[in-house]
N, C-alpha and C. Protein backbone atom coordinates (compact mmCIF):
# COMPACT_ATOMS: atom_id res chain seq x y z
N UNK A 1 80.25 -10.76 -43.95
CA UNK A 1 79.59 -11.09 -42.72
C UNK A 1 79.91 -10.04 -41.66
N UNK A 2 78.64 -9.22 -41.33
CA UNK A 2 78.14 -8.04 -40.54
C UNK A 2 78.46 -8.36 -38.87
N UNK A 3 78.24 -9.64 -38.39
CA UNK A 3 78.33 -10.15 -36.96
C UNK A 3 79.18 -11.06 -36.90
N UNK A 4 79.99 -11.50 -35.75
CA UNK A 4 80.50 -12.95 -35.64
C UNK A 4 79.12 -13.76 -34.98
N UNK A 5 79.42 -14.96 -35.38
CA UNK A 5 78.57 -15.59 -34.42
C UNK A 5 79.20 -15.58 -33.00
N UNK A 6 80.21 -15.32 -32.45
CA UNK A 6 80.63 -14.87 -31.36
C UNK A 6 79.70 -13.55 -30.03
N UNK A 7 79.18 -12.96 -31.57
CA UNK A 7 78.22 -11.62 -31.58
C UNK A 7 77.09 -11.95 -30.53
N UNK A 8 76.59 -13.05 -31.23
CA UNK A 8 75.29 -13.74 -30.55
C UNK A 8 75.10 -14.69 -29.65
N UNK A 9 76.17 -14.86 -29.06
CA UNK A 9 76.02 -15.66 -27.80
C UNK A 9 75.54 -15.19 -26.62
N UNK A 10 75.85 -13.99 -26.37
CA UNK A 10 75.32 -13.47 -25.13
C UNK A 10 74.32 -13.36 -24.90
N UNK A 11 73.66 -13.00 -26.34
CA UNK A 11 72.10 -12.50 -26.81
C UNK A 11 71.32 -14.02 -26.19
N UNK A 12 71.65 -14.97 -27.11
CA UNK A 12 71.17 -16.40 -26.91
C UNK A 12 71.14 -16.69 -25.44
N UNK A 13 72.05 -16.45 -24.49
CA UNK A 13 72.37 -16.90 -23.01
C UNK A 13 71.28 -16.02 -22.40
N UNK A 14 71.31 -14.84 -22.44
CA UNK A 14 69.77 -13.56 -21.81
C UNK A 14 68.75 -14.29 -22.52
N UNK A 15 68.29 -14.83 -23.55
CA UNK A 15 67.09 -15.19 -24.11
C UNK A 15 66.72 -16.33 -23.34
N UNK A 16 67.86 -17.28 -23.05
CA UNK A 16 67.46 -18.44 -22.20
C UNK A 16 67.31 -18.54 -21.00
N UNK A 17 68.21 -17.55 -20.83
CA UNK A 17 67.77 -17.11 -19.45
C UNK A 17 66.38 -16.44 -18.92
N UNK A 18 66.21 -15.47 -19.55
CA UNK A 18 64.93 -14.82 -19.52
C UNK A 18 63.52 -16.36 -19.64
N UNK A 19 63.52 -16.92 -20.51
CA UNK A 19 62.75 -18.11 -20.65
C UNK A 19 62.69 -19.07 -19.90
N UNK A 20 64.04 -19.24 -18.88
CA UNK A 20 63.97 -19.93 -17.72
C UNK A 20 62.96 -19.24 -16.65
N UNK A 21 63.37 -18.09 -16.61
CA UNK A 21 62.88 -17.17 -14.95
C UNK A 21 61.48 -17.19 -15.59
N UNK A 22 60.55 -17.22 -16.32
CA UNK A 22 59.53 -16.83 -16.76
C UNK A 22 58.62 -18.46 -16.63
N UNK A 23 59.56 -19.25 -17.14
CA UNK A 23 58.90 -20.48 -16.90
C UNK A 23 58.78 -21.08 -15.43
N UNK A 24 59.89 -20.38 -14.73
CA UNK A 24 60.06 -20.59 -13.32
C UNK A 24 58.57 -19.64 -12.26
N UNK A 25 58.71 -18.52 -13.08
CA UNK A 25 57.43 -17.66 -12.28
C UNK A 25 56.32 -18.66 -12.35
N UNK A 26 55.90 -18.97 -13.45
CA UNK A 26 54.90 -19.41 -13.19
C UNK A 26 54.45 -21.01 -13.22
N UNK A 27 55.63 -21.55 -12.41
CA UNK A 27 55.26 -22.72 -11.67
C UNK A 27 54.93 -22.47 -9.91
N UNK A 28 55.41 -21.31 -9.81
CA UNK A 28 55.06 -21.09 -8.36
C UNK A 28 53.69 -20.88 -8.26
N UNK A 29 53.34 -20.96 -6.39
CA UNK A 29 52.39 -21.18 -6.03
C UNK A 29 52.02 -19.64 -5.84
N UNK A 30 50.41 -18.91 -6.18
CA UNK A 30 49.93 -18.05 -6.56
C UNK A 30 50.19 -17.70 -4.84
N UNK A 31 50.23 -16.45 -4.44
CA UNK A 31 50.30 -15.66 -3.27
C UNK A 31 48.60 -15.69 -3.01
N UNK A 32 47.94 -16.33 -1.55
CA UNK A 32 46.98 -16.66 -1.42
C UNK A 32 46.13 -14.76 -1.22
N UNK A 33 46.53 -14.16 -0.89
CA UNK A 33 46.19 -12.44 -0.89
C UNK A 33 46.25 -12.19 -2.65
N UNK A 34 47.13 -11.95 -3.45
CA UNK A 34 46.95 -12.08 -4.41
C UNK A 34 46.19 -12.68 -5.58
N UNK A 35 45.42 -13.88 -5.09
CA UNK A 35 44.78 -14.69 -5.62
C UNK A 35 43.08 -13.79 -5.32
N UNK A 36 43.35 -13.86 -4.09
CA UNK A 36 42.34 -13.16 -3.01
C UNK A 36 41.91 -11.55 -4.51
N UNK A 37 42.68 -10.78 -4.23
CA UNK A 37 42.69 -9.76 -5.25
C UNK A 37 42.19 -9.50 -6.49
N UNK A 38 43.01 -10.70 -7.09
CA UNK A 38 42.00 -11.22 -8.71
C UNK A 38 40.79 -11.78 -8.33
N UNK A 39 40.47 -12.30 -7.63
CA UNK A 39 38.86 -12.76 -7.32
C UNK A 39 37.78 -11.35 -7.06
N UNK A 40 38.62 -10.61 -6.39
CA UNK A 40 37.64 -9.16 -6.20
C UNK A 40 37.40 -8.79 -7.60
N UNK A 41 38.95 -8.30 -8.22
CA UNK A 41 38.66 -7.77 -9.72
C UNK A 41 37.91 -8.65 -10.76
N UNK A 42 37.48 -9.61 -10.59
CA UNK A 42 37.16 -10.51 -11.66
C UNK A 42 35.47 -10.42 -11.13
N UNK A 43 35.57 -10.20 -9.59
CA UNK A 43 33.58 -10.07 -9.76
C UNK A 43 33.53 -8.62 -10.34
N UNK A 44 34.29 -7.95 -9.98
CA UNK A 44 33.89 -6.19 -10.36
C UNK A 44 33.59 -6.75 -12.13
N UNK A 45 34.64 -6.92 -13.13
CA UNK A 45 34.48 -7.33 -14.23
C UNK A 45 33.34 -8.03 -14.39
N UNK A 46 32.96 -8.98 -14.05
CA UNK A 46 32.06 -9.60 -14.13
C UNK A 46 30.72 -9.27 -14.14
N UNK A 47 30.97 -8.48 -12.70
CA UNK A 47 29.50 -7.68 -12.67
C UNK A 47 28.98 -6.66 -13.79
N UNK A 48 30.49 -6.04 -14.34
CA UNK A 48 30.64 -4.72 -15.30
C UNK A 48 29.99 -5.41 -16.67
N UNK A 49 30.57 -6.58 -16.69
CA UNK A 49 30.25 -7.33 -18.07
C UNK A 49 28.89 -7.84 -18.47
N UNK A 50 28.31 -7.72 -17.44
CA UNK A 50 26.78 -8.09 -17.15
C UNK A 50 26.64 -9.57 -17.59
N UNK A 51 27.55 -10.42 -17.10
CA UNK A 51 28.20 -11.87 -17.35
C UNK A 51 27.45 -12.79 -15.76
N UNK A 52 25.98 -12.59 -15.88
CA UNK A 52 25.12 -13.48 -15.02
C UNK A 52 26.00 -14.84 -14.61
N UNK A 53 26.28 -15.58 -15.30
CA UNK A 53 26.62 -16.99 -15.08
C UNK A 53 28.17 -16.89 -14.39
N UNK A 54 29.07 -16.19 -15.24
CA UNK A 54 30.27 -16.11 -14.43
C UNK A 54 30.30 -15.63 -12.94
N UNK A 55 29.72 -14.59 -12.58
CA UNK A 55 29.16 -14.43 -11.05
C UNK A 55 28.99 -15.12 -10.16
N UNK A 56 27.60 -16.14 -10.89
CA UNK A 56 27.43 -17.34 -9.91
C UNK A 56 28.15 -17.75 -9.87
N UNK A 57 29.33 -18.49 -11.06
CA UNK A 57 30.29 -19.26 -10.42
C UNK A 57 31.34 -18.53 -9.43
N UNK A 58 31.44 -17.84 -9.60
CA UNK A 58 32.16 -16.64 -8.17
C UNK A 58 31.46 -17.31 -7.09
N UNK A 59 30.32 -17.33 -6.81
CA UNK A 59 29.36 -17.49 -5.44
C UNK A 59 29.62 -18.51 -5.22
N UNK A 60 29.89 -18.52 -4.10
CA UNK A 60 29.90 -20.27 -3.04
C UNK A 60 28.79 -20.63 -2.85
N UNK A 61 28.30 -22.25 -2.41
CA UNK A 61 27.34 -22.43 -2.69
C UNK A 61 26.35 -21.97 -1.43
N UNK A 62 27.32 -21.56 -0.16
CA UNK A 62 26.39 -21.24 0.68
C UNK A 62 26.46 -19.83 0.81
N UNK A 63 26.46 -19.16 -0.23
CA UNK A 63 26.31 -17.64 -0.53
C UNK A 63 25.14 -16.95 0.13
N UNK A 64 25.39 -16.31 1.27
CA UNK A 64 24.25 -15.63 1.87
C UNK A 64 24.27 -13.49 1.82
N UNK A 65 23.30 -13.14 1.40
CA UNK A 65 23.43 -11.71 1.03
C UNK A 65 22.26 -10.87 2.60
N UNK A 66 23.02 -10.05 2.81
CA UNK A 66 21.87 -9.19 3.71
C UNK A 66 21.25 -10.05 4.70
N UNK A 67 19.67 -10.10 4.83
CA UNK A 67 19.20 -11.08 5.86
C UNK A 67 18.25 -11.95 5.20
N UNK A 68 18.88 -13.22 4.84
CA UNK A 68 18.36 -14.41 4.76
C UNK A 68 18.11 -14.47 3.05
N UNK A 69 19.03 -13.37 2.30
CA UNK A 69 19.47 -13.62 1.11
C UNK A 69 20.15 -14.56 0.49
N UNK A 70 19.86 -15.22 -0.80
CA UNK A 70 20.76 -16.58 -1.03
C UNK A 70 20.72 -16.79 -2.30
N UNK A 71 21.82 -17.10 -3.52
CA UNK A 71 22.12 -17.29 -5.10
C UNK A 71 21.08 -16.94 -5.52
N UNK A 72 19.81 -17.77 -5.23
CA UNK A 72 18.89 -17.10 -6.32
C UNK A 72 18.64 -16.09 -6.45
N UNK A 73 18.21 -15.11 -5.16
CA UNK A 73 18.54 -13.30 -4.99
C UNK A 73 19.54 -12.87 -5.98
N UNK A 74 20.31 -13.86 -5.92
CA UNK A 74 21.75 -12.61 -6.30
C UNK A 74 21.37 -12.87 -7.77
N UNK A 75 21.24 -14.22 -8.21
CA UNK A 75 20.75 -14.30 -9.94
C UNK A 75 19.26 -13.31 -9.87
N UNK A 76 18.21 -13.35 -9.50
CA UNK A 76 17.05 -12.66 -9.94
C UNK A 76 17.73 -11.11 -9.74
N UNK A 77 18.25 -10.55 -8.37
CA UNK A 77 18.81 -9.37 -8.99
C UNK A 77 19.45 -9.21 -10.03
N UNK A 78 20.56 -9.40 -9.93
CA UNK A 78 21.21 -9.62 -11.50
C UNK A 78 20.59 -9.30 -13.16
N UNK A 79 19.67 -10.45 -12.95
CA UNK A 79 18.69 -9.95 -13.88
C UNK A 79 18.01 -9.30 -14.35
N UNK A 80 17.54 -8.44 -13.18
CA UNK A 80 16.65 -7.08 -13.50
C UNK A 80 17.87 -6.38 -13.58
N UNK A 81 18.77 -5.75 -12.81
CA UNK A 81 19.44 -4.82 -12.89
C UNK A 81 19.98 -4.98 -14.51
N UNK A 82 20.38 -6.23 -15.23
CA UNK A 82 21.46 -5.83 -16.32
C UNK A 82 19.93 -5.96 -17.48
N UNK A 83 18.71 -6.11 -17.20
CA UNK A 83 17.93 -6.14 -17.98
C UNK A 83 17.64 -4.31 -18.11
N UNK A 84 17.38 -3.72 -16.85
CA UNK A 84 16.77 -2.40 -16.84
C UNK A 84 18.12 -1.54 -17.41
N UNK A 85 19.34 -1.93 -17.03
CA UNK A 85 20.08 -0.87 -17.49
C UNK A 85 21.27 -1.36 -18.52
N UNK A 86 21.48 -0.73 -19.76
CA UNK A 86 22.50 -1.28 -20.57
C UNK A 86 24.13 -1.18 -20.45
N UNK A 87 24.40 -0.19 -19.35
CA UNK A 87 25.51 0.00 -18.65
C UNK A 87 25.48 0.18 -17.36
N UNK A 88 26.72 -0.62 -16.82
CA UNK A 88 27.18 -0.85 -15.14
C UNK A 88 28.19 -0.68 -14.69
N UNK A 89 28.43 0.38 -14.05
CA UNK A 89 29.95 0.72 -13.69
C UNK A 89 29.90 0.43 -12.28
N UNK A 90 31.13 0.10 -11.79
CA UNK A 90 31.51 -0.28 -9.89
C UNK A 90 32.68 0.38 -10.24
N UNK A 91 32.52 1.67 -9.20
CA UNK A 91 33.71 2.43 -9.25
C UNK A 91 34.46 2.43 -7.75
N UNK A 92 35.85 1.93 -7.25
CA UNK A 92 35.82 1.17 -6.15
C UNK A 92 36.62 2.57 -5.38
N UNK A 93 36.19 3.36 -4.87
CA UNK A 93 36.83 4.46 -4.00
C UNK A 93 37.71 4.08 -3.19
N UNK A 94 37.80 2.69 -2.78
CA UNK A 94 38.55 2.41 -1.94
C UNK A 94 38.56 0.76 -1.59
N UNK A 95 39.40 0.04 -1.25
CA UNK A 95 38.84 -1.75 -1.14
C UNK A 95 40.11 -2.20 -0.92
N UNK A 96 40.04 -2.66 0.29
CA UNK A 96 41.17 -3.79 0.91
C UNK A 96 40.87 -5.20 1.75
N UNK A 97 41.59 -5.87 0.90
CA UNK A 97 41.57 -7.45 0.97
C UNK A 97 42.57 -8.13 1.66
N UNK A 98 42.02 -8.89 2.66
CA UNK A 98 43.28 -9.53 3.79
C UNK A 98 42.56 -11.20 3.78
N UNK A 99 43.60 -11.86 4.04
CA UNK A 99 43.74 -13.19 4.85
C UNK A 99 43.25 -13.28 6.25
N UNK A 100 42.42 -13.90 6.58
CA UNK A 100 41.79 -13.92 7.77
C UNK A 100 42.81 -14.85 8.85
N UNK A 101 43.23 -14.38 9.80
CA UNK A 101 44.20 -14.32 11.02
C UNK A 101 43.97 -15.54 11.48
N UNK A 102 42.88 -16.40 11.19
CA UNK A 102 42.49 -17.53 12.48
C UNK A 102 42.44 -18.80 11.15
N UNK A 103 42.23 -18.08 9.81
CA UNK A 103 41.99 -18.91 8.94
C UNK A 103 42.32 -18.78 7.83
N UNK A 104 43.71 -19.82 7.15
CA UNK A 104 43.99 -19.03 5.66
C UNK A 104 42.73 -19.56 4.50
N UNK A 105 41.76 -20.18 5.02
CA UNK A 105 40.67 -20.51 4.15
C UNK A 105 39.70 -19.26 4.03
N UNK A 106 39.79 -18.45 4.46
CA UNK A 106 38.93 -17.67 4.99
C UNK A 106 39.66 -15.85 4.45
N UNK A 107 39.07 -15.35 3.30
CA UNK A 107 39.51 -13.66 2.86
C UNK A 107 38.26 -12.77 3.53
N UNK A 108 38.87 -11.60 3.55
CA UNK A 108 37.22 -10.53 3.74
C UNK A 108 37.99 -9.69 2.72
N UNK A 109 36.89 -8.62 2.33
CA UNK A 109 37.55 -7.18 1.84
C UNK A 109 36.29 -6.40 1.92
N UNK A 110 36.74 -5.20 2.27
CA UNK A 110 36.01 -4.24 2.36
C UNK A 110 36.57 -3.10 1.58
N UNK A 111 34.88 -2.50 0.79
CA UNK A 111 35.36 -1.64 0.15
C UNK A 111 34.20 -0.46 -0.26
N UNK A 112 34.87 0.67 -0.56
CA UNK A 112 33.50 1.58 -0.73
C UNK A 112 33.33 2.10 -2.03
N UNK A 113 32.43 1.43 -2.51
CA UNK A 113 32.26 1.77 -4.38
C UNK A 113 31.02 2.48 -4.51
N UNK A 114 30.92 3.03 -5.62
CA UNK A 114 29.69 3.76 -6.32
C UNK A 114 29.46 3.12 -7.43
N UNK A 115 28.54 2.15 -7.42
CA UNK A 115 27.66 1.58 -8.37
C UNK A 115 26.59 2.59 -9.37
N UNK A 116 26.76 2.59 -10.63
CA UNK A 116 26.23 3.56 -11.98
C UNK A 116 25.73 2.63 -12.73
N UNK A 117 24.53 2.86 -13.03
CA UNK A 117 23.32 2.25 -13.78
C UNK A 117 22.99 3.46 -15.12
N UNK A 118 23.17 2.85 -16.13
CA UNK A 118 22.89 4.12 -17.69
C UNK A 118 22.29 3.37 -18.73
N UNK A 119 21.25 4.26 -19.43
CA UNK A 119 20.71 2.74 -20.75
C UNK A 119 21.91 3.75 -21.63
N UNK A 120 22.45 4.81 -21.44
CA UNK A 120 23.30 5.75 -22.54
C UNK A 120 24.67 6.30 -22.05
N UNK A 121 25.33 6.85 -22.52
CA UNK A 121 26.46 7.64 -21.55
C UNK A 121 26.42 8.07 -20.05
N UNK A 122 25.52 8.84 -20.38
CA UNK A 122 25.34 9.19 -18.68
C UNK A 122 24.39 8.77 -17.69
N UNK A 123 24.96 8.75 -16.46
CA UNK A 123 24.34 7.26 -15.63
C UNK A 123 23.10 8.13 -15.11
N UNK A 124 21.93 6.95 -15.33
CA UNK A 124 20.73 7.77 -14.63
C UNK A 124 20.54 7.39 -13.32
N UNK A 125 21.64 6.65 -12.74
CA UNK A 125 21.34 6.13 -11.12
C UNK A 125 22.89 6.09 -10.75
N UNK A 126 23.10 6.59 -9.36
CA UNK A 126 24.68 6.71 -9.17
C UNK A 126 24.35 6.06 -7.66
N UNK A 127 24.75 5.16 -7.05
CA UNK A 127 24.46 5.05 -5.53
C UNK A 127 25.71 4.65 -5.02
N UNK A 128 26.16 5.33 -3.78
CA UNK A 128 27.33 5.05 -2.96
C UNK A 128 27.16 3.78 -2.46
N UNK A 129 28.28 2.92 -1.78
CA UNK A 129 27.84 1.97 -0.66
C UNK A 129 29.03 1.59 -0.28
N UNK A 130 28.91 1.22 1.00
CA UNK A 130 29.88 0.47 1.81
C UNK A 130 29.94 -1.12 1.72
N UNK A 131 30.82 -1.73 1.17
CA UNK A 131 30.67 -3.34 1.38
C UNK A 131 31.43 -4.36 1.77
N UNK A 132 31.13 -5.17 2.58
CA UNK A 132 32.05 -5.94 3.11
C UNK A 132 31.47 -7.43 2.79
N UNK A 133 32.61 -8.06 2.09
CA UNK A 133 32.65 -9.56 1.37
C UNK A 133 33.27 -10.47 2.38
N UNK A 134 33.01 -11.68 1.92
CA UNK A 134 33.70 -12.42 2.90
C UNK A 134 34.24 -13.63 1.69
N UNK A 135 35.23 -14.30 2.04
CA UNK A 135 35.48 -15.07 0.59
C UNK A 135 35.92 -16.29 1.17
N UNK A 136 35.39 -17.81 0.78
CA UNK A 136 36.12 -19.23 1.21
C UNK A 136 36.85 -19.46 0.21
N UNK A 137 38.09 -20.33 0.59
CA UNK A 137 38.48 -20.78 -0.28
C UNK A 137 38.18 -22.01 -0.69
N UNK A 138 37.75 -21.99 -1.56
CA UNK A 138 37.16 -23.88 -2.55
C UNK A 138 37.74 -24.62 -3.27
N UNK A 139 38.78 -25.15 -2.93
CA UNK A 139 39.83 -25.97 -3.34
C UNK A 139 40.94 -24.75 -3.82
N UNK A 140 41.13 -24.13 -5.26
CA UNK A 140 42.08 -23.33 -5.32
C UNK A 140 41.73 -21.94 -5.26
N UNK A 141 40.23 -22.17 -5.79
CA UNK A 141 39.46 -20.56 -6.23
C UNK A 141 38.98 -20.15 -4.92
N UNK A 142 39.16 -18.64 -5.27
CA UNK A 142 38.30 -17.76 -3.90
C UNK A 142 36.85 -17.75 -4.41
N UNK A 143 35.80 -18.15 -3.22
CA UNK A 143 34.40 -17.97 -3.82
C UNK A 143 33.82 -16.76 -3.18
N UNK A 144 32.90 -16.40 -3.15
CA UNK A 144 32.38 -15.08 -2.12
C UNK A 144 31.12 -16.15 -1.57
N UNK A 145 31.19 -16.00 -0.13
CA UNK A 145 30.54 -16.64 0.45
C UNK A 145 29.03 -15.28 1.41
N UNK A 146 29.81 -14.22 1.26
CA UNK A 146 28.69 -13.06 2.48
C UNK A 146 29.35 -12.01 1.71
N UNK A 147 27.88 -11.49 1.63
CA UNK A 147 27.93 -10.02 0.93
C UNK A 147 26.87 -9.37 2.18
N UNK A 148 27.34 -8.25 2.54
CA UNK A 148 26.75 -6.91 3.73
C UNK A 148 27.28 -5.85 3.00
N UNK A 149 26.43 -4.95 2.65
CA UNK A 149 26.56 -3.64 2.58
C UNK A 149 25.61 -2.49 3.63
N UNK A 150 26.09 -1.68 3.23
CA UNK A 150 25.44 -0.07 3.72
C UNK A 150 25.14 0.90 2.53
């Protein structure tokens, strides 16, 4: 026998400890700021993947953009852009999210982004924007309630 059973005892304990630590880590509540950052990243990923339905799921029922634009406007605009460009990329030059100091149910994201659209590899259009997003906690999910841009 190459190794005695006593050799494997510390290894078993280490594996058991690692499993317990992983299980406990999964049981903890998600930090609201971390969840908000994840929602922002998911929105970017869904837009780049042209997943209209998934983006719509991330919009709050009272979503507003600009002056009087709503969820229906968002859906139409996405559909047009997704048909026009085969490839859409969003480069976040800077991004900062925070939980509102007055209400833990409201989050804010400010970002400077460049949005590109292309039929092939080379972008046909690249537009820089300063965007402000307001999020509302809907149960345990952050939903985008307001979008402003310059």
